[in-house]
């Protein structure tokens, strides 16, 4: 009996869980990394007890090729076969996610949830708990959201790591800020620039329109005119598809620039670099009005009468 117990103990030890518990860990396998190096990393994180046991299990099951990527979440009380099977499956925890220019935080949240990066609740909690330490946040009021700064791009994100997704998007913005935004900022408020850029992003169809619409917005602000930007109404009601009704246009929200003067409280989306640069350096212009026809062409006007004539002609 003693011999049987000893034999079972010897056989069990290599495949026993690495520890009794602990929080989730992620394992990143680099391209060309050896099985031995992967096993050493697993042991270092107390996910397995035996390097040779891990290697032997993979060899016995015929799984000797491991795809690069990030795997997890893994736990200290997971068995060696479970960990080995997850890593050998090639099913990484990475997922490619594209955030289009002009997406709002709500739209980014839905996208990450659909891609399995994090649930809406998890991502929202990560946004609330995130303590940004970036230079470009100096002009942002302390209690305002990160709307406007999650830079639109294609990312390789890790499932179950919403805070890391936020960090990657902010780091990306940080590079654009350092190289292309800050040199043109002068004494302007970055936060106000980002608000205007977000309006431009939602309203403009072409690069020419981005610059001209930015100029119109500045002209109206200087003249103490309401901005009358429909996109701010859509942000207030969180609907970017349906035709706006009279009731929508009169919604009582500080974001409704048809009802309240000045800029909305925050950016209304996360703009791309082209819209940010248009907000930084708008051209000289005498236009105070614009509208976009059913073909997507934007028409500008200097006076209210010209604008009214454009409505009759193009809408």
Protein backbone atom coordinates (compact mmCIF):
# COMPACT_ATOMS: atom_id res chain seq x y z
CA UNK A 1 0.00 0.00 0.00
CA UNK A 2 2.80 2.38 0.92
CA UNK A 3 4.49 1.70 -2.42
CA UNK A 4 1.24 2.53 -4.26
CA UNK A 5 0.84 5.80 -2.36
CA UNK A 6 4.43 6.77 -3.08
CA UNK A 7 4.01 5.92 -6.76
CA UNK A 8 0.81 7.96 -7.02
CA UNK A 9 2.47 10.88 -5.24
CA UNK A 10 5.39 10.78 -7.68
CA UNK A 11 3.03 10.67 -10.64
CA UNK A 12 0.76 13.40 -9.27
CA UNK A 13 3.44 15.90 -8.26
CA UNK A 14 4.41 17.05 -11.77
CA UNK A 15 0.82 17.68 -12.84
CA UNK A 16 -0.50 19.14 -9.57
CA UNK A 17 -1.61 22.78 -9.56
CA UNK A 18 1.22 25.24 -9.14
CA UNK A 19 -0.36 26.87 -6.10
CA UNK A 20 -3.58 26.86 -4.14
CA UNK A 21 -4.97 30.04 -5.65
CA UNK A 22 -4.11 33.60 -6.51
CA UNK A 23 -5.51 36.06 -9.00
CA UNK A 24 -5.64 35.52 -12.73
CA UNK A 25 -2.40 35.60 -14.70
CA UNK A 26 -1.75 36.02 -18.40
CA UNK A 27 1.06 34.24 -20.24
CA UNK A 28 2.59 35.81 -23.33
CA UNK A 29 4.31 33.45 -25.77
CA UNK A 30 6.76 35.19 -28.07
CA UNK A 31 7.42 34.16 -31.64
CA UNK A 32 10.01 31.37 -31.72
CA UNK A 33 9.96 30.90 -27.94
CA UNK A 34 10.89 27.38 -26.85
CA UNK A 35 8.66 25.05 -24.85
CA UNK A 36 11.29 25.10 -22.10
CA UNK A 37 11.16 28.90 -21.86
CA UNK A 38 7.35 28.83 -21.75
CA UNK A 39 7.43 26.20 -19.00
CA UNK A 40 9.96 28.21 -17.00
CA UNK A 41 7.68 31.26 -17.20
CA UNK A 42 4.71 29.18 -16.04
CA UNK A 43 6.71 27.85 -13.09
CA UNK A 44 7.98 31.34 -12.22
CA UNK A 45 4.38 32.50 -11.98
CA UNK A 46 3.54 29.45 -9.82
CA UNK A 47 1.10 28.10 -12.38
CA UNK A 48 2.84 24.72 -12.69
CA UNK A 49 5.13 22.76 -10.38
CA UNK A 50 7.26 20.92 -12.92
CA UNK A 51 8.93 22.14 -16.10
CA UNK A 52 9.63 18.62 -17.32
CA UNK A 53 6.09 17.53 -16.44
CA UNK A 54 4.70 20.30 -18.68
CA UNK A 55 7.06 19.36 -21.51
CA UNK A 56 6.30 15.66 -21.11
CA UNK A 57 2.54 16.28 -21.20
CA UNK A 58 2.82 18.25 -24.45
CA UNK A 59 5.04 15.56 -25.97
CA UNK A 60 2.73 12.71 -24.97
CA UNK A 61 -0.29 14.53 -26.40
CA UNK A 62 1.57 15.42 -29.59
CA UNK A 63 1.30 19.17 -29.01
CA UNK A 64 4.78 20.51 -29.47
CA UNK A 65 4.00 23.62 -31.53
CA UNK A 66 2.66 26.61 -29.60
CA UNK A 67 1.35 29.73 -31.35
CA UNK A 68 2.63 33.12 -30.17
CA UNK A 69 0.15 35.33 -28.35
CA UNK A 70 -1.28 35.98 -24.93
CA UNK A 71 -3.10 33.17 -23.13
CA UNK A 72 -5.35 33.31 -20.11
CA UNK A 73 -6.68 34.01 -17.70
CA UNK A 74 -4.82 31.24 -15.87
CA UNK A 75 -5.04 30.51 -12.13
CA UNK A 76 -2.70 28.90 -9.64
CA UNK A 77 -5.18 26.15 -8.83
CA UNK A 78 -5.60 25.16 -12.49
CA UNK A 79 -4.29 21.69 -13.31
CA UNK A 80 -1.25 21.28 -15.54
CA UNK A 81 -3.31 19.53 -18.25
CA UNK A 82 -5.77 22.45 -18.36
CA UNK A 83 -2.98 25.00 -18.65
CA UNK A 84 -1.08 22.94 -21.23
CA UNK A 85 -4.21 22.34 -23.29
CA UNK A 86 -5.11 26.03 -23.29
CA UNK A 87 -1.67 27.09 -24.45
CA UNK A 88 -1.36 24.25 -26.96
CA UNK A 89 -4.81 25.00 -28.40
CA UNK A 90 -3.53 28.15 -30.11
CA UNK A 91 -6.64 29.95 -28.88
CA UNK A 92 -4.97 33.07 -27.58
CA UNK A 93 -6.58 35.69 -25.41
CA UNK A 94 -5.64 38.32 -28.01
CA UNK A 95 -8.23 39.80 -30.32
CA UNK A 96 -7.90 42.39 -33.08
CA UNK A 97 -10.25 45.32 -32.55
CA UNK A 98 -10.73 48.33 -34.82
CA UNK A 99 -12.02 51.53 -33.24
CA UNK A 100 -13.25 53.79 -36.07
CA UNK A 101 -12.67 57.52 -35.99
CA UNK A 102 -15.58 59.26 -34.31
CA UNK A 103 -16.67 56.41 -32.06
CA UNK A 104 -18.03 57.46 -28.68
CA UNK A 105 -17.16 55.79 -25.38
CA UNK A 106 -20.52 54.04 -25.57
CA UNK A 107 -19.73 52.70 -29.04
CA UNK A 108 -16.24 51.62 -27.97
CA UNK A 109 -17.75 49.87 -24.97
CA UNK A 110 -20.18 47.97 -27.20
CA UNK A 111 -17.37 47.02 -29.59
CA UNK A 112 -15.08 45.68 -26.88
CA UNK A 113 -17.97 43.76 -25.34
CA UNK A 114 -18.85 42.19 -28.70
CA UNK A 115 -15.20 41.21 -29.22
CA UNK A 116 -14.96 39.62 -25.78
CA UNK A 117 -12.35 42.01 -24.40
CA UNK A 118 -14.58 42.97 -21.48
CA UNK A 119 -18.25 43.25 -20.65
CA UNK A 120 -19.85 46.68 -20.72
CA UNK A 121 -19.88 46.68 -16.92
CA UNK A 122 -16.19 45.69 -16.69
CA UNK A 123 -15.05 48.30 -19.21
CA UNK A 124 -17.14 51.03 -17.59
CA UNK A 125 -15.68 50.15 -14.19
CA UNK A 126 -12.16 50.22 -15.64
CA UNK A 127 -12.81 53.66 -17.13
CA UNK A 128 -14.03 54.95 -13.77
CA UNK A 129 -11.10 53.47 -11.87
CA UNK A 130 -8.43 54.49 -14.36
CA UNK A 131 -6.02 57.01 -12.89
CA UNK A 132 -4.43 58.73 -15.89
CA UNK A 133 -0.99 60.21 -15.39
CA UNK A 134 -0.49 61.71 -18.84
CA UNK A 135 0.70 65.22 -19.57
CA UNK A 136 -2.13 65.77 -22.06
CA UNK A 137 -4.74 65.49 -19.29
CA UNK A 138 -3.60 68.70 -17.59
CA UNK A 139 -6.36 70.77 -19.21
CA UNK A 140 -9.08 68.14 -18.64
CA UNK A 141 -11.40 68.82 -15.68
CA UNK A 142 -10.76 66.18 -13.04
CA UNK A 143 -14.18 64.54 -13.02
CA UNK A 144 -14.70 64.43 -16.79
CA UNK A 145 -14.62 61.11 -18.61
CA UNK A 146 -11.92 59.93 -21.00
CA UNK A 147 -14.20 60.73 -23.95
CA UNK A 148 -12.11 62.19 -26.75
CA UNK A 149 -8.77 60.64 -25.79
CA UNK A 150 -9.19 56.93 -26.64
CA UNK A 151 -7.44 57.20 -29.96
CA UNK A 152 -9.20 55.46 -32.87
CA UNK A 153 -7.01 52.78 -34.45
CA UNK A 154 -6.66 49.01 -34.84
CA UNK A 155 -5.42 47.30 -31.69
CA UNK A 156 -4.37 43.82 -30.61
CA UNK A 157 -6.08 43.60 -27.23
CA UNK A 158 -6.11 41.01 -24.47
CA UNK A 159 -9.41 39.48 -23.45
CA UNK A 160 -10.20 40.15 -19.80
CA UNK A 161 -7.86 43.15 -19.57
CA UNK A 162 -9.99 46.32 -20.03
CA UNK A 163 -7.51 48.54 -18.19
CA UNK A 164 -4.76 47.48 -20.59
CA UNK A 165 -7.03 48.31 -23.55
CA UNK A 166 -7.55 51.80 -22.12
CA UNK A 167 -3.82 52.20 -21.56
CA UNK A 168 -3.02 51.21 -25.15
CA UNK A 169 -5.47 53.72 -26.61
CA UNK A 170 -4.22 56.51 -24.35
CA UNK A 171 -0.59 55.65 -25.11
CA UNK A 172 -1.42 55.90 -28.81
CA UNK A 173 -2.97 59.33 -28.25
CA UNK A 174 0.13 60.28 -26.27
CA UNK A 175 2.37 59.62 -29.27
CA UNK A 176 0.15 61.76 -31.53
CA UNK A 177 0.09 64.47 -28.86
CA UNK A 178 3.87 64.56 -28.55
CA UNK A 179 4.65 64.47 -32.26
CA UNK A 180 1.80 66.30 -33.99
CA UNK A 181 -0.54 68.06 -31.58
CA UNK A 182 1.62 69.69 -28.92
CA UNK A 183 3.87 71.51 -31.45
CA UNK A 184 0.77 73.31 -32.80
CA UNK A 185 -1.02 73.82 -29.51
CA UNK A 186 0.69 77.07 -28.39
CA UNK A 187 -1.43 78.56 -25.58
CA UNK A 188 -4.67 76.88 -26.63
CA UNK A 189 -6.55 74.58 -24.27
CA UNK A 190 -6.11 71.00 -25.46
CA UNK A 191 -9.42 70.01 -23.91
CA UNK A 192 -11.31 72.67 -25.84
CA UNK A 193 -9.47 71.64 -29.01
CA UNK A 194 -10.59 68.05 -28.43
CA UNK A 195 -14.20 69.14 -27.97
CA UNK A 196 -14.14 71.09 -31.24
CA UNK A 197 -12.32 68.25 -33.00
CA UNK A 198 -15.02 65.83 -31.86
CA UNK A 199 -17.72 68.07 -33.36
CA UNK A 200 -15.74 68.29 -36.59
CA UNK A 201 -15.30 64.51 -36.68
CA UNK A 202 -19.03 63.89 -36.42
CA UNK A 203 -20.04 66.64 -38.85
CA UNK A 204 -17.45 66.54 -41.66
CA UNK A 205 -17.27 64.16 -44.60
CA UNK A 206 -13.95 65.24 -46.21
CA UNK A 207 -10.70 66.87 -45.16
CA UNK A 208 -11.78 70.13 -46.81
CA UNK A 209 -15.01 69.99 -44.83
CA UNK A 210 -13.12 69.33 -41.61
CA UNK A 211 -11.19 72.57 -41.99
CA UNK A 212 -14.18 74.64 -43.13
CA UNK A 213 -16.50 73.31 -40.44
CA UNK A 214 -13.84 74.01 -37.79
CA UNK A 215 -13.69 77.58 -39.09
CA UNK A 216 -17.49 77.91 -38.93
CA UNK A 217 -17.51 76.67 -35.33
CA UNK A 218 -14.85 79.17 -34.27
CA UNK A 219 -16.65 81.99 -36.09
CA UNK A 220 -19.91 81.18 -34.31
CA UNK A 221 -18.19 80.95 -30.92
CA UNK A 222 -16.50 84.32 -31.48
CA UNK A 223 -19.84 85.86 -32.48
CA UNK A 224 -21.56 84.38 -29.35
CA UNK A 225 -23.88 82.36 -31.59
CA UNK A 226 -25.16 78.93 -30.61
CA UNK A 227 -23.28 76.22 -32.47
CA UNK A 228 -26.48 74.40 -33.55
CA UNK A 229 -24.60 71.14 -34.17
CA UNK A 230 -26.99 68.23 -34.61
CA UNK A 231 -24.32 65.73 -33.60
CA UNK A 232 -24.38 67.12 -30.06
CA UNK A 233 -28.08 66.32 -29.90
CA UNK A 234 -27.39 62.78 -31.07
CA UNK A 235 -24.76 62.44 -28.35
CA UNK A 236 -27.26 63.64 -25.76
CA UNK A 237 -29.86 61.06 -26.81
CA UNK A 238 -27.23 58.40 -27.70
CA UNK A 239 -28.72 57.70 -31.12
CA UNK A 240 -26.65 58.12 -34.28
CA UNK A 241 -29.02 56.60 -36.81
CA UNK A 242 -32.61 57.77 -36.62
CA UNK A 243 -33.87 61.03 -38.10
CA UNK A 244 -33.94 63.72 -35.42
CA UNK A 245 -37.37 64.93 -34.34
CA UNK A 246 -38.38 68.35 -33.01
CA UNK A 247 -38.58 66.75 -29.59
CA UNK A 248 -34.99 65.48 -29.95
CA UNK A 249 -33.73 68.90 -31.03
CA UNK A 250 -35.22 70.52 -27.93
CA UNK A 251 -33.92 67.93 -25.44
CA UNK A 252 -32.82 69.61 -22.21
CA UNK A 253 -29.16 68.61 -22.07
CA UNK A 254 -25.96 70.67 -21.69
CA UNK A 255 -24.79 68.82 -24.81
CA UNK A 256 -27.64 70.26 -26.90
CA UNK A 257 -25.92 73.13 -28.71
CA UNK A 258 -29.22 74.04 -30.35
CA UNK A 259 -30.46 75.00 -26.91
CA UNK A 260 -27.36 76.08 -25.00
CA UNK A 261 -24.55 78.39 -26.05
CA UNK A 262 -20.85 77.64 -26.05
CA UNK A 263 -19.15 74.27 -26.26
CA UNK A 264 -20.64 71.06 -24.88
CA UNK A 265 -19.14 69.93 -21.55
CA UNK A 266 -16.94 67.20 -23.06
CA UNK A 267 -15.92 65.85 -26.46
CA UNK A 268 -18.79 63.99 -28.09
CA UNK A 269 -16.60 61.29 -29.62
CA UNK A 270 -13.01 60.20 -30.04
CA UNK A 271 -11.74 62.08 -33.11
CA UNK A 272 -8.99 61.11 -35.50
CA UNK A 273 -5.83 63.12 -36.06
CA UNK A 274 -7.18 64.92 -39.16
CA UNK A 275 -10.07 66.42 -37.21
CA UNK A 276 -7.78 67.37 -34.32
CA UNK A 277 -5.43 69.17 -36.70
CA UNK A 278 -8.38 70.96 -38.34
CA UNK A 279 -9.44 72.18 -34.90
CA UNK A 280 -5.89 73.31 -34.19
CA UNK A 281 -5.42 75.30 -37.40
CA UNK A 282 -8.70 76.31 -39.06
CA UNK A 283 -8.51 78.50 -42.20
CA UNK A 284 -9.67 82.10 -42.31
CA UNK A 285 -13.33 82.09 -43.29
CA UNK A 286 -16.40 84.33 -43.51
CA UNK A 287 -18.78 81.38 -43.20
CA UNK A 288 -21.13 81.08 -40.23
CA UNK A 289 -23.47 78.36 -41.51
CA UNK A 290 -23.29 75.00 -43.25
CA UNK A 291 -25.56 72.13 -44.19
CA UNK A 292 -24.99 68.76 -45.79
CA UNK A 293 -27.28 67.67 -48.64
CA UNK A 294 -28.65 64.19 -49.29
CA UNK A 295 -25.60 63.33 -51.43
CA UNK A 296 -23.24 64.15 -48.57
CA UNK A 297 -22.04 67.45 -50.06
CA UNK A 298 -21.61 70.31 -47.57
CA UNK A 299 -22.73 73.82 -48.53
CA UNK A 300 -21.59 76.93 -46.67
CA UNK A 301 -23.15 80.35 -46.16
CA UNK A 302 -22.05 83.71 -44.78
CA UNK A 303 -25.51 84.94 -43.78
CA UNK A 304 -28.70 83.47 -42.42
CA UNK A 305 -30.46 84.36 -45.69
CA UNK A 306 -27.85 82.48 -47.74
CA UNK A 307 -28.25 79.54 -45.39
CA UNK A 308 -32.04 79.61 -45.80
CA UNK A 309 -31.60 79.68 -49.57
CA UNK A 310 -29.27 76.67 -49.35
CA UNK A 311 -31.93 74.80 -47.37
CA UNK A 312 -34.51 75.44 -50.09
CA UNK A 313 -32.07 74.50 -52.81
CA UNK A 314 -30.37 71.42 -51.36
CA UNK A 315 -32.74 69.89 -48.78
